[in-house]
Amino acid sequence: ERGRVVTDLVAKALQRKKEGVKSSQNR
């Protein structure tokens, strides 16, 4: 859906970027 769903996806992606590759890789 447009709107809130898209905003949530973008926010989630930005949060993963902020946490960094190393953290995601370790998981």
mmCIF file of all heavy atoms, coordinates in Angstrom:
data_MODEL
# 
_entry.id   MODEL 
# 
loop_
_atom_site.group_PDB 
_atom_site.id 
_atom_site.type_symbol 
_atom_site.label_atom_id 
_atom_site.label_alt_id 
_atom_site.label_comp_id 
_atom_site.label_asym_id 
_atom_site.label_entity_id 
_atom_site.label_seq_id 
_atom_site.pdbx_PDB_ins_code 
_atom_site.Cartn_x 
_atom_site.Cartn_y 
_atom_site.Cartn_z 
_atom_site.occupancy 
_atom_site.B_iso_or_equiv 
_atom_site.pdbx_formal_charge 
_atom_site.auth_seq_id 
_atom_site.auth_comp_id 
_atom_site.auth_asym_id 
_atom_site.auth_atom_id 
_atom_site.pdbx_PDB_model_num 
ATOM 1   N N   . GLU A 1 1  ? 0.833  -1.189  0.000  1.00 0.00 ? 1  GLU A N   1 
ATOM 2   C CA  . GLU A 1 1  ? 0.000  0.000   0.000  1.00 0.00 ? 1  GLU A CA  1 
ATOM 3   C C   . GLU A 1 1  ? 0.871  1.243   0.000  1.00 0.00 ? 1  GLU A C   1 
ATOM 4   O O   . GLU A 1 1  ? 2.017  1.224   0.455  1.00 0.00 ? 1  GLU A O   1 
ATOM 5   C CB  . GLU A 1 1  ? -0.900 0.023   1.240  1.00 0.00 ? 1  GLU A CB  1 
ATOM 6   C CG  . GLU A 1 1  ? -1.857 -1.146  1.319  1.00 0.00 ? 1  GLU A CG  1 
ATOM 7   C CD  . GLU A 1 1  ? -2.640 -1.149  2.626  1.00 0.00 ? 1  GLU A CD  1 
ATOM 8   O OE1 . GLU A 1 1  ? -2.422 -0.227  3.457  1.00 0.00 ? 1  GLU A OE1 1 
ATOM 9   O OE2 . GLU A 1 1  ? -3.436 -2.057  2.806  1.00 0.00 ? 1  GLU A OE2 1 
ATOM 10  N N   . ARG A 1 2  ? 0.290  2.302   -0.481 1.00 0.00 ? 2  ARG A N   1 
ATOM 11  C CA  . ARG A 1 2  ? 1.001  3.569   -0.419 1.00 0.00 ? 2  ARG A CA  1 
ATOM 12  C C   . ARG A 1 2  ? 0.934  4.116   1.001  1.00 0.00 ? 2  ARG A C   1 
ATOM 13  O O   . ARG A 1 2  ? 0.273  3.581   1.874  1.00 0.00 ? 2  ARG A O   1 
ATOM 14  C CB  . ARG A 1 2  ? 0.370  4.563   -1.400 1.00 0.00 ? 2  ARG A CB  1 
ATOM 15  C CG  . ARG A 1 2  ? 0.578  4.192   -2.864 1.00 0.00 ? 2  ARG A CG  1 
ATOM 16  C CD  . ARG A 1 2  ? -0.087 5.235   -3.766 1.00 0.00 ? 2  ARG A CD  1 
ATOM 17  N NE  . ARG A 1 2  ? 0.093  4.919   -5.179 1.00 0.00 ? 2  ARG A NE  1 
ATOM 18  C CZ  . ARG A 1 2  ? 1.164  5.264   -5.881 1.00 0.00 ? 2  ARG A CZ  1 
ATOM 19  N NH1 . ARG A 1 2  ? 2.146  5.908   -5.307 1.00 0.00 ? 2  ARG A NH1 1 
ATOM 20  N NH2 . ARG A 1 2  ? 1.261  4.952   -7.150 1.00 0.00 ? 2  ARG A NH2 1 
ATOM 21  N N   . GLY A 1 3  ? 1.628  5.246   1.212  1.00 0.00 ? 3  GLY A N   1 
ATOM 22  C CA  . GLY A 1 3  ? 1.487  5.950   2.496  1.00 0.00 ? 3  GLY A CA  1 
ATOM 23  C C   . GLY A 1 3  ? 2.258  5.303   3.614  1.00 0.00 ? 3  GLY A C   1 
ATOM 24  O O   . GLY A 1 3  ? 3.474  5.125   3.548  1.00 0.00 ? 3  GLY A O   1 
ATOM 25  N N   . ARG A 1 4  ? 1.510  4.892   4.664  1.00 0.00 ? 4  ARG A N   1 
ATOM 26  C CA  . ARG A 1 4  ? 2.134  4.436   5.889  1.00 0.00 ? 4  ARG A CA  1 
ATOM 27  C C   . ARG A 1 4  ? 2.986  3.201   5.675  1.00 0.00 ? 4  ARG A C   1 
ATOM 28  O O   . ARG A 1 4  ? 4.076  3.075   6.230  1.00 0.00 ? 4  ARG A O   1 
ATOM 29  C CB  . ARG A 1 4  ? 1.054  4.136   6.932  1.00 0.00 ? 4  ARG A CB  1 
ATOM 30  C CG  . ARG A 1 4  ? 1.629  3.732   8.299  1.00 0.00 ? 4  ARG A CG  1 
ATOM 31  C CD  . ARG A 1 4  ? 0.513  3.403   9.262  1.00 0.00 ? 4  ARG A CD  1 
ATOM 32  N NE  . ARG A 1 4  ? -0.295 2.294   8.775  1.00 0.00 ? 4  ARG A NE  1 
ATOM 33  C CZ  . ARG A 1 4  ? 0.097  1.011   8.884  1.00 0.00 ? 4  ARG A CZ  1 
ATOM 34  N NH1 . ARG A 1 4  ? 1.256  0.720   9.422  1.00 0.00 ? 4  ARG A NH1 1 
ATOM 35  N NH2 . ARG A 1 4  ? -0.671 0.049   8.430  1.00 0.00 ? 4  ARG A NH2 1 
ATOM 36  N N   . VAL A 1 5  ? 2.508  2.251   4.832  1.00 0.00 ? 5  VAL A N   1 
ATOM 37  C CA  . VAL A 1 5  ? 3.262  1.013   4.614  1.00 0.00 ? 5  VAL A CA  1 
ATOM 38  C C   . VAL A 1 5  ? 4.610  1.320   3.986  1.00 0.00 ? 5  VAL A C   1 
ATOM 39  O O   . VAL A 1 5  ? 5.646  0.791   4.387  1.00 0.00 ? 5  VAL A O   1 
ATOM 40  C CB  . VAL A 1 5  ? 2.460  0.044   3.726  1.00 0.00 ? 5  VAL A CB  1 
ATOM 41  C CG1 . VAL A 1 5  ? 3.295  -1.188  3.408  1.00 0.00 ? 5  VAL A CG1 1 
ATOM 42  C CG2 . VAL A 1 5  ? 1.160  -0.357  4.416  1.00 0.00 ? 5  VAL A CG2 1 
ATOM 43  N N   . VAL A 1 6  ? 4.591  2.204   3.001  1.00 0.00 ? 6  VAL A N   1 
ATOM 44  C CA  . VAL A 1 6  ? 5.839  2.569   2.350  1.00 0.00 ? 6  VAL A CA  1 
ATOM 45  C C   . VAL A 1 6  ? 6.754  3.270   3.341  1.00 0.00 ? 6  VAL A C   1 
ATOM 46  O O   . VAL A 1 6  ? 7.962  3.026   3.403  1.00 0.00 ? 6  VAL A O   1 
ATOM 47  C CB  . VAL A 1 6  ? 5.558  3.478   1.133  1.00 0.00 ? 6  VAL A CB  1 
ATOM 48  C CG1 . VAL A 1 6  ? 6.858  3.993   0.552  1.00 0.00 ? 6  VAL A CG1 1 
ATOM 49  C CG2 . VAL A 1 6  ? 4.770  2.718   0.085  1.00 0.00 ? 6  VAL A CG2 1 
ATOM 50  N N   . THR A 1 7  ? 6.210  4.138   4.142  1.00 0.00 ? 7  THR A N   1 
ATOM 51  C CA  . THR A 1 7  ? 7.013  4.858   5.133  1.00 0.00 ? 7  THR A CA  1 
ATOM 52  C C   . THR A 1 7  ? 7.663  3.888   6.104  1.00 0.00 ? 7  THR A C   1 
ATOM 53  O O   . THR A 1 7  ? 8.836  4.025   6.477  1.00 0.00 ? 7  THR A O   1 
ATOM 54  C CB  . THR A 1 7  ? 6.128  5.853   5.899  1.00 0.00 ? 7  THR A CB  1 
ATOM 55  O OG1 . THR A 1 7  ? 5.520  6.739   4.962  1.00 0.00 ? 7  THR A OG1 1 
ATOM 56  C CG2 . THR A 1 7  ? 6.944  6.654   6.895  1.00 0.00 ? 7  THR A CG2 1 
ATOM 57  N N   . ASP A 1 8  ? 6.880  2.881   6.528  1.00 0.00 ? 8  ASP A N   1 
ATOM 58  C CA  . ASP A 1 8  ? 7.432  1.887   7.458  1.00 0.00 ? 8  ASP A CA  1 
ATOM 59  C C   . ASP A 1 8  ? 8.585  1.117   6.821  1.00 0.00 ? 8  ASP A C   1 
ATOM 60  O O   . ASP A 1 8  ? 9.607  0.847   7.471  1.00 0.00 ? 8  ASP A O   1 
ATOM 61  C CB  . ASP A 1 8  ? 6.336  0.901   7.884  1.00 0.00 ? 8  ASP A CB  1 
ATOM 62  C CG  . ASP A 1 8  ? 5.302  1.569   8.793  1.00 0.00 ? 8  ASP A CG  1 
ATOM 63  O OD1 . ASP A 1 8  ? 5.608  2.680   9.296  1.00 0.00 ? 8  ASP A OD1 1 
ATOM 64  O OD2 . ASP A 1 8  ? 4.223  0.988   8.964  1.00 0.00 ? 8  ASP A OD2 1 
ATOM 65  N N   . LEU A 1 9  ? 8.432  0.736   5.553  1.00 0.00 ? 9  LEU A N   1 
ATOM 66  C CA  . LEU A 1 9  ? 9.488  -0.012  4.876  1.00 0.00 ? 9  LEU A CA  1 
ATOM 67  C C   . LEU A 1 9  ? 10.753 0.816   4.763  1.00 0.00 ? 9  LEU A C   1 
ATOM 68  O O   . LEU A 1 9  ? 11.864 0.333   4.988  1.00 0.00 ? 9  LEU A O   1 
ATOM 69  C CB  . LEU A 1 9  ? 9.020  -0.438  3.485  1.00 0.00 ? 9  LEU A CB  1 
ATOM 70  C CG  . LEU A 1 9  ? 7.996  -1.579  3.427  1.00 0.00 ? 9  LEU A CG  1 
ATOM 71  C CD1 . LEU A 1 9  ? 7.498  -1.743  2.001  1.00 0.00 ? 9  LEU A CD1 1 
ATOM 72  C CD2 . LEU A 1 9  ? 8.600  -2.870  3.940  1.00 0.00 ? 9  LEU A CD2 1 
ATOM 73  N N   . VAL A 1 10 ? 10.586 2.101   4.389  1.00 0.00 ? 10 VAL A N   1 
ATOM 74  C CA  . VAL A 1 10 ? 11.741 2.972   4.259  1.00 0.00 ? 10 VAL A CA  1 
ATOM 75  C C   . VAL A 1 10 ? 12.420 3.169   5.609  1.00 0.00 ? 10 VAL A C   1 
ATOM 76  O O   . VAL A 1 10 ? 13.652 3.131   5.725  1.00 0.00 ? 10 VAL A O   1 
ATOM 77  C CB  . VAL A 1 10 ? 11.324 4.323   3.649  1.00 0.00 ? 10 VAL A CB  1 
ATOM 78  C CG1 . VAL A 1 10 ? 12.494 5.300   3.671  1.00 0.00 ? 10 VAL A CG1 1 
ATOM 79  C CG2 . VAL A 1 10 ? 10.828 4.135   2.231  1.00 0.00 ? 10 VAL A CG2 1 
ATOM 80  N N   . ALA A 1 11 ? 11.614 3.358   6.632  1.00 0.00 ? 11 ALA A N   1 
ATOM 81  C CA  . ALA A 1 11 ? 12.188 3.558   7.967  1.00 0.00 ? 11 ALA A CA  1 
ATOM 82  C C   . ALA A 1 11 ? 12.956 2.324   8.428  1.00 0.00 ? 11 ALA A C   1 
ATOM 83  O O   . ALA A 1 11 ? 14.040 2.416   9.012  1.00 0.00 ? 11 ALA A O   1 
ATOM 84  C CB  . ALA A 1 11 ? 11.061 3.887   8.964  1.00 0.00 ? 11 ALA A CB  1 
ATOM 85  N N   . LYS A 1 12 ? 12.376 1.158   8.136  1.00 0.00 ? 12 LYS A N   1 
ATOM 86  C CA  . LYS A 1 12 ? 13.041 -0.098  8.528  1.00 0.00 ? 12 LYS A CA  1 
ATOM 87  C C   . LYS A 1 12 ? 14.373 -0.244  7.810  1.00 0.00 ? 12 LYS A C   1 
ATOM 88  O O   . LYS A 1 12 ? 15.384 -0.648  8.393  1.00 0.00 ? 12 LYS A O   1 
ATOM 89  C CB  . LYS A 1 12 ? 12.122 -1.267  8.206  1.00 0.00 ? 12 LYS A CB  1 
ATOM 90  C CG  . LYS A 1 12 ? 12.663 -2.621  8.647  1.00 0.00 ? 12 LYS A CG  1 
ATOM 91  C CD  . LYS A 1 12 ? 11.666 -3.720  8.308  1.00 0.00 ? 12 LYS A CD  1 
ATOM 92  C CE  . LYS A 1 12 ? 12.215 -5.087  8.716  1.00 0.00 ? 12 LYS A CE  1 
ATOM 93  N NZ  . LYS A 1 12 ? 11.260 -6.167  8.350  1.00 0.00 ? 12 LYS A NZ  1 
ATOM 94  N N   . ALA A 1 13 ? 14.372 0.068   6.509  1.00 0.00 ? 13 ALA A N   1 
ATOM 95  C CA  . ALA A 1 13 ? 15.609 -0.037  5.735  1.00 0.00 ? 13 ALA A CA  1 
ATOM 96  C C   . ALA A 1 13 ? 16.657 0.932   6.243  1.00 0.00 ? 13 ALA A C   1 
ATOM 97  O O   . ALA A 1 13 ? 17.850 0.605   6.349  1.00 0.00 ? 13 ALA A O   1 
ATOM 98  C CB  . ALA A 1 13 ? 15.316 0.220   4.264  1.00 0.00 ? 13 ALA A CB  1 
ATOM 99  N N   . LEU A 1 14 ? 16.222 2.176   6.567  1.00 0.00 ? 14 LEU A N   1 
ATOM 100 C CA  . LEU A 1 14 ? 17.172 3.176   7.074  1.00 0.00 ? 14 LEU A CA  1 
ATOM 101 C C   . LEU A 1 14 ? 17.754 2.754   8.415  1.00 0.00 ? 14 LEU A C   1 
ATOM 102 O O   . LEU A 1 14 ? 18.935 2.987   8.701  1.00 0.00 ? 14 LEU A O   1 
ATOM 103 C CB  . LEU A 1 14 ? 16.469 4.531   7.205  1.00 0.00 ? 14 LEU A CB  1 
ATOM 104 C CG  . LEU A 1 14 ? 16.132 5.229   5.869  1.00 0.00 ? 14 LEU A CG  1 
ATOM 105 C CD1 . LEU A 1 14 ? 15.278 6.478   6.123  1.00 0.00 ? 14 LEU A CD1 1 
ATOM 106 C CD2 . LEU A 1 14 ? 17.404 5.605   5.133  1.00 0.00 ? 14 LEU A CD2 1 
ATOM 107 N N   . GLN A 1 15 ? 16.911 2.106   9.249  1.00 0.00 ? 15 GLN A N   1 
ATOM 108 C CA  . GLN A 1 15 ? 17.399 1.640   10.536 1.00 0.00 ? 15 GLN A CA  1 
ATOM 109 C C   . GLN A 1 15 ? 18.471 0.573   10.366 1.00 0.00 ? 15 GLN A C   1 
ATOM 110 O O   . GLN A 1 15 ? 19.493 0.558   11.055 1.00 0.00 ? 15 GLN A O   1 
ATOM 111 C CB  . GLN A 1 15 ? 16.230 1.076   11.375 1.00 0.00 ? 15 GLN A CB  1 
ATOM 112 C CG  . GLN A 1 15 ? 16.645 0.532   12.744 1.00 0.00 ? 15 GLN A CG  1 
ATOM 113 C CD  . GLN A 1 15 ? 17.242 1.613   13.634 1.00 0.00 ? 15 GLN A CD  1 
ATOM 114 O OE1 . GLN A 1 15 ? 16.863 2.785   13.545 1.00 0.00 ? 15 GLN A OE1 1 
ATOM 115 N NE2 . GLN A 1 15 ? 18.195 1.233   14.473 1.00 0.00 ? 15 GLN A NE2 1 
ATOM 116 N N   . ARG A 1 16 ? 18.251 -0.347  9.375  1.00 0.00 ? 16 ARG A N   1 
ATOM 117 C CA  . ARG A 1 16 ? 19.257 -1.380  9.122  1.00 0.00 ? 16 ARG A CA  1 
ATOM 118 C C   . ARG A 1 16 ? 20.554 -0.757  8.625  1.00 0.00 ? 16 ARG A C   1 
ATOM 119 O O   . ARG A 1 16 ? 21.647 -1.203  8.965  1.00 0.00 ? 16 ARG A O   1 
ATOM 120 C CB  . ARG A 1 16 ? 18.720 -2.387  8.096  1.00 0.00 ? 16 ARG A CB  1 
ATOM 121 C CG  . ARG A 1 16 ? 17.686 -3.349  8.666  1.00 0.00 ? 16 ARG A CG  1 
ATOM 122 C CD  . ARG A 1 16 ? 17.473 -4.534  7.741  1.00 0.00 ? 16 ARG A CD  1 
ATOM 123 N NE  . ARG A 1 16 ? 16.897 -4.149  6.476  1.00 0.00 ? 16 ARG A NE  1 
ATOM 124 C CZ  . ARG A 1 16 ? 15.594 -4.169  6.222  1.00 0.00 ? 16 ARG A CZ  1 
ATOM 125 N NH1 . ARG A 1 16 ? 14.740 -4.553  7.155  1.00 0.00 ? 16 ARG A NH1 1 
ATOM 126 N NH2 . ARG A 1 16 ? 15.138 -3.806  5.044  1.00 0.00 ? 16 ARG A NH2 1 
ATOM 127 N N   . LYS A 1 17 ? 20.440 0.267   7.785  1.00 0.00 ? 17 LYS A N   1 
ATOM 128 C CA  . LYS A 1 17 ? 21.635 0.964   7.300  1.00 0.00 ? 17 LYS A CA  1 
ATOM 129 C C   . LYS A 1 17 ? 22.402 1.564   8.476  1.00 0.00 ? 17 LYS A C   1 
ATOM 130 O O   . LYS A 1 17 ? 23.633 1.528   8.536  1.00 0.00 ? 17 LYS A O   1 
ATOM 131 C CB  . LYS A 1 17 ? 21.246 2.071   6.318  1.00 0.00 ? 17 LYS A CB  1 
ATOM 132 C CG  . LYS A 1 17 ? 20.599 1.601   5.039  1.00 0.00 ? 17 LYS A CG  1 
ATOM 133 C CD  . LYS A 1 17 ? 21.622 1.192   4.017  1.00 0.00 ? 17 LYS A CD  1 
ATOM 134 C CE  . LYS A 1 17 ? 20.957 0.891   2.679  1.00 0.00 ? 17 LYS A CE  1 
ATOM 135 N NZ  . LYS A 1 17 ? 21.935 0.474   1.676  1.00 0.00 ? 17 LYS A NZ  1 
ATOM 136 N N   . LYS A 1 18 ? 21.616 2.144   9.408  1.00 0.00 ? 18 LYS A N   1 
ATOM 137 C CA  . LYS A 1 18 ? 22.239 2.800   10.557 1.00 0.00 ? 18 LYS A CA  1 
ATOM 138 C C   . LYS A 1 18 ? 22.985 1.800   11.428 1.00 0.00 ? 18 LYS A C   1 
ATOM 139 O O   . LYS A 1 18 ? 24.070 2.061   11.940 1.00 0.00 ? 18 LYS A O   1 
ATOM 140 C CB  . LYS A 1 18 ? 21.156 3.525   11.358 1.00 0.00 ? 18 LYS A CB  1 
ATOM 141 C CG  . LYS A 1 18 ? 21.690 4.360   12.510 1.00 0.00 ? 18 LYS A CG  1 
ATOM 142 C CD  . LYS A 1 18 ? 20.563 5.121   13.185 1.00 0.00 ? 18 LYS A CD  1 
ATOM 143 C CE  . LYS A 1 18 ? 21.090 5.964   14.342 1.00 0.00 ? 18 LYS A CE  1 
ATOM 144 N NZ  . LYS A 1 18 ? 19.990 6.702   15.021 1.00 0.00 ? 18 LYS A NZ  1 
ATOM 145 N N   . GLU A 1 19 ? 22.377 0.616   11.611 1.00 0.00 ? 19 GLU A N   1 
ATOM 146 C CA  . GLU A 1 19 ? 23.019 -0.407  12.441 1.00 0.00 ? 19 GLU A CA  1 
ATOM 147 C C   . GLU A 1 19 ? 24.318 -0.911  11.818 1.00 0.00 ? 19 GLU A C   1 
ATOM 148 O O   . GLU A 1 19 ? 25.223 -1.361  12.511 1.00 0.00 ? 19 GLU A O   1 
ATOM 149 C CB  . GLU A 1 19 ? 22.068 -1.588  12.632 1.00 0.00 ? 19 GLU A CB  1 
ATOM 150 C CG  . GLU A 1 19 ? 20.858 -1.245  13.496 1.00 0.00 ? 19 GLU A CG  1 
ATOM 151 C CD  . GLU A 1 19 ? 19.883 -2.387  13.566 1.00 0.00 ? 19 GLU A CD  1 
ATOM 152 O OE1 . GLU A 1 19 ? 20.142 -3.407  12.882 1.00 0.00 ? 19 GLU A OE1 1 
ATOM 153 O OE2 . GLU A 1 19 ? 18.876 -2.282  14.288 1.00 0.00 ? 19 GLU A OE2 1 
ATOM 154 N N   . GLY A 1 20 ? 24.371 -0.874  10.490 1.00 0.00 ? 20 GLY A N   1 
ATOM 155 C CA  . GLY A 1 20 ? 25.619 -1.236  9.841  1.00 0.00 ? 20 GLY A CA  1 
ATOM 156 C C   . GLY A 1 20 ? 25.663 -2.676  9.375  1.00 0.00 ? 20 GLY A C   1 
ATOM 157 O O   . GLY A 1 20 ? 24.894 -3.530  9.808  1.00 0.00 ? 20 GLY A O   1 
ATOM 158 N N   . VAL A 1 21 ? 26.607 -2.913  8.444  1.00 0.00 ? 21 VAL A N   1 
ATOM 159 C CA  . VAL A 1 21 ? 26.760 -4.224  7.837  1.00 0.00 ? 21 VAL A CA  1 
ATOM 160 C C   . VAL A 1 21 ? 27.222 -5.250  8.855  1.00 0.00 ? 21 VAL A C   1 
ATOM 161 O O   . VAL A 1 21 ? 26.758 -6.389  8.881  1.00 0.00 ? 21 VAL A O   1 
ATOM 162 C CB  . VAL A 1 21 ? 27.758 -4.145  6.667  1.00 0.00 ? 21 VAL A CB  1 
ATOM 163 C CG1 . VAL A 1 21 ? 28.030 -5.532  6.097  1.00 0.00 ? 21 VAL A CG1 1 
ATOM 164 C CG2 . VAL A 1 21 ? 27.244 -3.222  5.576  1.00 0.00 ? 21 VAL A CG2 1 
ATOM 165 N N   . LYS A 1 22 ? 28.135 -4.841  9.733  1.00 0.00 ? 22 LYS A N   1 
ATOM 166 C CA  . LYS A 1 22 ? 28.738 -5.790  10.666 1.00 0.00 ? 22 LYS A CA  1 
ATOM 167 C C   . LYS A 1 22 ? 27.711 -6.436  11.578 1.00 0.00 ? 22 LYS A C   1 
ATOM 168 O O   . LYS A 1 22 ? 27.718 -7.645  11.801 1.00 0.00 ? 22 LYS A O   1 
ATOM 169 C CB  . LYS A 1 22 ? 29.805 -5.078  11.501 1.00 0.00 ? 22 LYS A CB  1 
ATOM 170 C CG  . LYS A 1 22 ? 30.719 -6.012  12.262 1.00 0.00 ? 22 LYS A CG  1 
ATOM 171 C CD  . LYS A 1 22 ? 31.582 -6.814  11.306 1.00 0.00 ? 22 LYS A CD  1 
ATOM 172 C CE  . LYS A 1 22 ? 32.578 -7.690  12.055 1.00 0.00 ? 22 LYS A CE  1 
ATOM 173 N NZ  . LYS A 1 22 ? 33.375 -8.513  11.141 1.00 0.00 ? 22 LYS A NZ  1 
ATOM 174 N N   . SER A 1 23 ? 26.795 -5.620  12.095 1.00 0.00 ? 23 SER A N   1 
ATOM 175 C CA  . SER A 1 23 ? 25.774 -6.148  12.993 1.00 0.00 ? 23 SER A CA  1 
ATOM 176 C C   . SER A 1 23 ? 24.878 -7.144  12.274 1.00 0.00 ? 23 SER A C   1 
ATOM 177 O O   . SER A 1 23 ? 24.585 -8.227  12.781 1.00 0.00 ? 23 SER A O   1 
ATOM 178 C CB  . SER A 1 23 ? 24.942 -4.990  13.551 1.00 0.00 ? 23 SER A CB  1 
ATOM 179 O OG  . SER A 1 23 ? 23.891 -5.492  14.349 1.00 0.00 ? 23 SER A OG  1 
ATOM 180 N N   . SER A 1 24 ? 24.461 -6.785  11.053 1.00 0.00 ? 24 SER A N   1 
ATOM 181 C CA  . SER A 1 24 ? 23.599 -7.680  10.279 1.00 0.00 ? 24 SER A CA  1 
ATOM 182 C C   . SER A 1 24 ? 24.338 -8.965  9.922  1.00 0.00 ? 24 SER A C   1 
ATOM 183 O O   . SER A 1 24 ? 23.785 -10.059 9.962  1.00 0.00 ? 24 SER A O   1 
ATOM 184 C CB  . SER A 1 24 ? 23.119 -6.963  9.017  1.00 0.00 ? 24 SER A CB  1 
ATOM 185 O OG  . SER A 1 24 ? 22.305 -7.817  8.245  1.00 0.00 ? 24 SER A OG  1 
ATOM 186 N N   . GLN A 1 25 ? 25.607 -8.815  9.578  1.00 0.00 ? 25 GLN A N   1 
ATOM 187 C CA  . GLN A 1 25 ? 26.413 -9.985  9.223  1.00 0.00 ? 25 GLN A CA  1 
ATOM 188 C C   . GLN A 1 25 ? 26.558 -10.935 10.400 1.00 0.00 ? 25 GLN A C   1 
ATOM 189 O O   . GLN A 1 25 ? 26.466 -12.155 10.251 1.00 0.00 ? 25 GLN A O   1 
ATOM 190 C CB  . GLN A 1 25 ? 27.782 -9.528  8.733  1.00 0.00 ? 25 GLN A CB  1 
ATOM 191 C CG  . GLN A 1 25 ? 28.661 -10.651 8.215  1.00 0.00 ? 25 GLN A CG  1 
ATOM 192 C CD  . GLN A 1 25 ? 30.037 -10.167 7.860  1.00 0.00 ? 25 GLN A CD  1 
ATOM 193 O OE1 . GLN A 1 25 ? 30.808 -9.770  8.740  1.00 0.00 ? 25 GLN A OE1 1 
ATOM 194 N NE2 . GLN A 1 25 ? 30.352 -10.166 6.567  1.00 0.00 ? 25 GLN A NE2 1 
ATOM 195 N N   . ASN A 1 26 ? 26.773 -10.393 11.590 1.00 0.00 ? 26 ASN A N   1 
ATOM 196 C CA  . ASN A 1 26 ? 26.937 -11.240 12.779 1.00 0.00 ? 26 ASN A CA  1 
ATOM 197 C C   . ASN A 1 26 ? 25.667 -12.032 13.075 1.00 0.00 ? 26 ASN A C   1 
ATOM 198 O O   . ASN A 1 26 ? 25.730 -13.187 13.493 1.00 0.00 ? 26 ASN A O   1 
ATOM 199 C CB  . ASN A 1 26 ? 27.307 -10.383 13.983 1.00 0.00 ? 26 ASN A CB  1 
ATOM 200 C CG  . ASN A 1 26 ? 28.758 -9.912  13.909 1.00 0.00 ? 26 ASN A CG  1 
ATOM 201 O OD1 . ASN A 1 26 ? 29.589 -10.540 13.253 1.00 0.00 ? 26 ASN A OD1 1 
ATOM 202 N ND2 . ASN A 1 26 ? 29.067 -8.805  14.559 1.00 0.00 ? 26 ASN A ND2 1 
ATOM 203 N N   . ARG A 1 27 ? 24.507 -11.398 12.867 1.00 0.00 ? 27 ARG A N   1 
ATOM 204 C CA  . ARG A 1 27 ? 23.259 -12.122 13.105 1.00 0.00 ? 27 ARG A CA  1 
ATOM 205 C C   . ARG A 1 27 ? 23.121 -13.301 12.143 1.00 0.00 ? 27 ARG A C   1 
ATOM 206 O O   . ARG A 1 27 ? 22.696 -14.388 12.530 1.00 0.00 ? 27 ARG A O   1 
ATOM 207 C CB  . ARG A 1 27 ? 22.072 -11.164 12.957 1.00 0.00 ? 27 ARG A CB  1 
ATOM 208 C CG  . ARG A 1 27 ? 21.925 -10.186 14.111 1.00 0.00 ? 27 ARG A CG  1 
ATOM 209 C CD  . ARG A 1 27 ? 20.539 -9.556  14.108 1.00 0.00 ? 27 ARG A CD  1 
ATOM 210 N NE  . ARG A 1 27 ? 20.330 -8.724  12.923 1.00 0.00 ? 27 ARG A NE  1 
ATOM 211 C CZ  . ARG A 1 27 ? 20.639 -7.435  12.851 1.00 0.00 ? 27 ARG A CZ  1 
ATOM 212 N NH1 . ARG A 1 27 ? 21.177 -6.823  13.913 1.00 0.00 ? 27 ARG A NH1 1 
ATOM 213 N NH2 . ARG A 1 27 ? 20.424 -6.745  11.750 1.00 0.00 ? 27 ARG A NH2 1 
# 
